[in-house]
Amino acid sequence: MLFRTARRVDDLEALASGNPARIERRVKDRLLGRALARAGFWRWLWK
């Protein structure tokens, strides 16, 4: 639960920074991570 909360705080900090490059990078990383999770990559990686 703490890890999930830390990720949310990092998201909010990126948005609050107002830096478009940082916001874009954060969104891209989140979408990429979700896509990899749906493809089963993380399960395969840690087998």
N, C-alpha and C. Protein backbone atom coordinates (compact mmCIF):
# COMPACT_ATOMS: atom_id res chain seq x y z
N MET A 1 0.82 -1.18 0.00
CA MET A 1 0.00 0.00 0.00
C MET A 1 0.88 1.27 0.00
N LEU A 2 1.99 1.22 0.71
CA LEU A 2 2.87 2.38 0.74
C LEU A 2 3.47 2.67 -0.64
N PHE A 3 3.80 1.61 -1.38
CA PHE A 3 4.36 1.80 -2.71
C PHE A 3 3.34 2.47 -3.62
N ARG A 4 2.10 2.03 -3.55
CA ARG A 4 1.04 2.62 -4.37
C ARG A 4 0.84 4.09 -4.02
N THR A 5 0.87 4.40 -2.74
CA THR A 5 0.72 5.78 -2.30
C THR A 5 1.89 6.64 -2.79
N ALA A 6 3.10 6.09 -2.73
CA ALA A 6 4.27 6.82 -3.20
C ALA A 6 4.17 7.11 -4.70
N ARG A 7 3.66 6.17 -5.47
CA ARG A 7 3.48 6.41 -6.90
C ARG A 7 2.48 7.53 -7.16
N ARG A 8 1.41 7.55 -6.39
CA ARG A 8 0.40 8.61 -6.54
C ARG A 8 0.99 9.98 -6.19
N VAL A 9 1.78 10.02 -5.14
CA VAL A 9 2.42 11.28 -4.75
C VAL A 9 3.36 11.75 -5.86
N ASP A 10 4.11 10.83 -6.45
CA ASP A 10 5.00 11.19 -7.56
C ASP A 10 4.21 11.73 -8.75
N ASP A 11 3.05 11.14 -9.02
CA ASP A 11 2.19 11.63 -10.10
C ASP A 11 1.74 13.05 -9.81
N LEU A 12 1.31 13.29 -8.59
CA LEU A 12 0.84 14.62 -8.22
C LEU A 12 1.96 15.65 -8.27
N GLU A 13 3.15 15.26 -7.85
CA GLU A 13 4.29 16.17 -7.91
C GLU A 13 4.64 16.53 -9.34
N ALA A 14 4.56 15.55 -10.23
CA ALA A 14 4.84 15.82 -11.64
C ALA A 14 3.82 16.79 -12.22
N LEU A 15 2.56 16.60 -11.88
CA LEU A 15 1.52 17.51 -12.36
C LEU A 15 1.68 18.90 -11.76
N ALA A 16 2.00 18.95 -10.49
CA ALA A 16 2.14 20.24 -9.80
C ALA A 16 3.37 21.01 -10.28
N SER A 17 4.34 20.32 -10.83
CA SER A 17 5.55 21.00 -11.28
C SER A 17 5.26 21.95 -12.44
N GLY A 18 4.25 21.61 -13.24
CA GLY A 18 3.91 22.45 -14.38
C GLY A 18 4.87 22.29 -15.54
N ASN A 19 5.83 21.38 -15.41
CA ASN A 19 6.81 21.13 -16.47
C ASN A 19 6.20 20.15 -17.47
N PRO A 20 5.88 20.60 -18.69
CA PRO A 20 5.22 19.71 -19.66
C PRO A 20 6.04 18.47 -20.01
N ALA A 21 7.35 18.61 -20.07
CA ALA A 21 8.19 17.45 -20.40
C ALA A 21 8.11 16.40 -19.30
N ARG A 22 8.12 16.84 -18.05
CA ARG A 22 8.04 15.91 -16.92
C ARG A 22 6.68 15.22 -16.87
N ILE A 23 5.62 15.98 -17.12
CA ILE A 23 4.27 15.42 -17.12
C ILE A 23 4.14 14.39 -18.24
N GLU A 24 4.63 14.74 -19.42
CA GLU A 24 4.54 13.82 -20.56
C GLU A 24 5.31 12.54 -20.30
N ARG A 25 6.51 12.66 -19.73
CA ARG A 25 7.32 11.48 -19.43
C ARG A 25 6.62 10.58 -18.41
N ARG A 26 6.00 11.19 -17.40
CA ARG A 26 5.30 10.42 -16.37
C ARG A 26 4.12 9.66 -16.96
N VAL A 27 3.35 10.33 -17.82
CA VAL A 27 2.19 9.69 -18.45
C VAL A 27 2.66 8.55 -19.36
N LYS A 28 3.70 8.81 -20.13
CA LYS A 28 4.22 7.78 -21.04
C LYS A 28 4.68 6.55 -20.27
N ASP A 29 5.40 6.78 -19.17
CA ASP A 29 5.89 5.66 -18.37
C ASP A 29 4.74 4.86 -17.76
N ARG A 30 3.71 5.55 -17.30
CA ARG A 30 2.55 4.86 -16.71
C ARG A 30 1.85 4.01 -17.76
N LEU A 31 1.64 4.58 -18.95
CA LEU A 31 0.96 3.84 -20.01
C LEU A 31 1.79 2.64 -20.47
N LEU A 32 3.09 2.82 -20.58
CA LEU A 32 3.96 1.72 -20.99
C LEU A 32 3.94 0.61 -19.95
N GLY A 33 4.01 0.97 -18.68
CA GLY A 33 3.97 -0.03 -17.62
C GLY A 33 2.67 -0.81 -17.60
N ARG A 34 1.57 -0.12 -17.83
CA ARG A 34 0.27 -0.81 -17.87
C ARG A 34 0.18 -1.75 -19.06
N ALA A 35 0.69 -1.29 -20.21
CA ALA A 35 0.66 -2.14 -21.40
C ALA A 35 1.50 -3.40 -21.19
N LEU A 36 2.66 -3.23 -20.58
CA LEU A 36 3.51 -4.39 -20.30
C LEU A 36 2.84 -5.34 -19.31
N ALA A 37 2.15 -4.79 -18.34
CA ALA A 37 1.46 -5.62 -17.35
C ALA A 37 0.35 -6.43 -18.02
N ARG A 38 -0.39 -5.80 -18.89
CA ARG A 38 -1.48 -6.51 -19.58
C ARG A 38 -0.94 -7.60 -20.50
N ALA A 39 0.25 -7.39 -21.02
CA ALA A 39 0.86 -8.39 -21.91
C ALA A 39 1.49 -9.52 -21.11
N GLY A 40 1.55 -9.40 -19.78
CA GLY A 40 2.12 -10.44 -18.94
C GLY A 40 3.63 -10.37 -18.82
N PHE A 41 4.20 -9.25 -19.22
CA PHE A 41 5.66 -9.12 -19.21
C PHE A 41 6.22 -9.24 -17.81
N TRP A 42 5.63 -8.57 -16.83
CA TRP A 42 6.19 -8.56 -15.48
C TRP A 42 6.14 -9.95 -14.86
N ARG A 43 5.08 -10.70 -15.11
CA ARG A 43 5.01 -12.07 -14.59
C ARG A 43 6.09 -12.93 -15.23
N TRP A 44 6.27 -12.75 -16.54
CA TRP A 44 7.29 -13.52 -17.24
C TRP A 44 8.68 -13.15 -16.75
N LEU A 45 8.89 -11.86 -16.50
CA LEU A 45 10.19 -11.39 -16.07
C LEU A 45 10.60 -11.97 -14.73
N TRP A 46 9.66 -12.11 -13.81
CA TRP A 46 9.98 -12.55 -12.46
C TRP A 46 9.74 -14.03 -12.24
N LYS A 47 9.57 -14.81 -13.31
CA LYS A 47 9.43 -16.26 -13.16
C LYS A 47 10.73 -16.90 -12.80
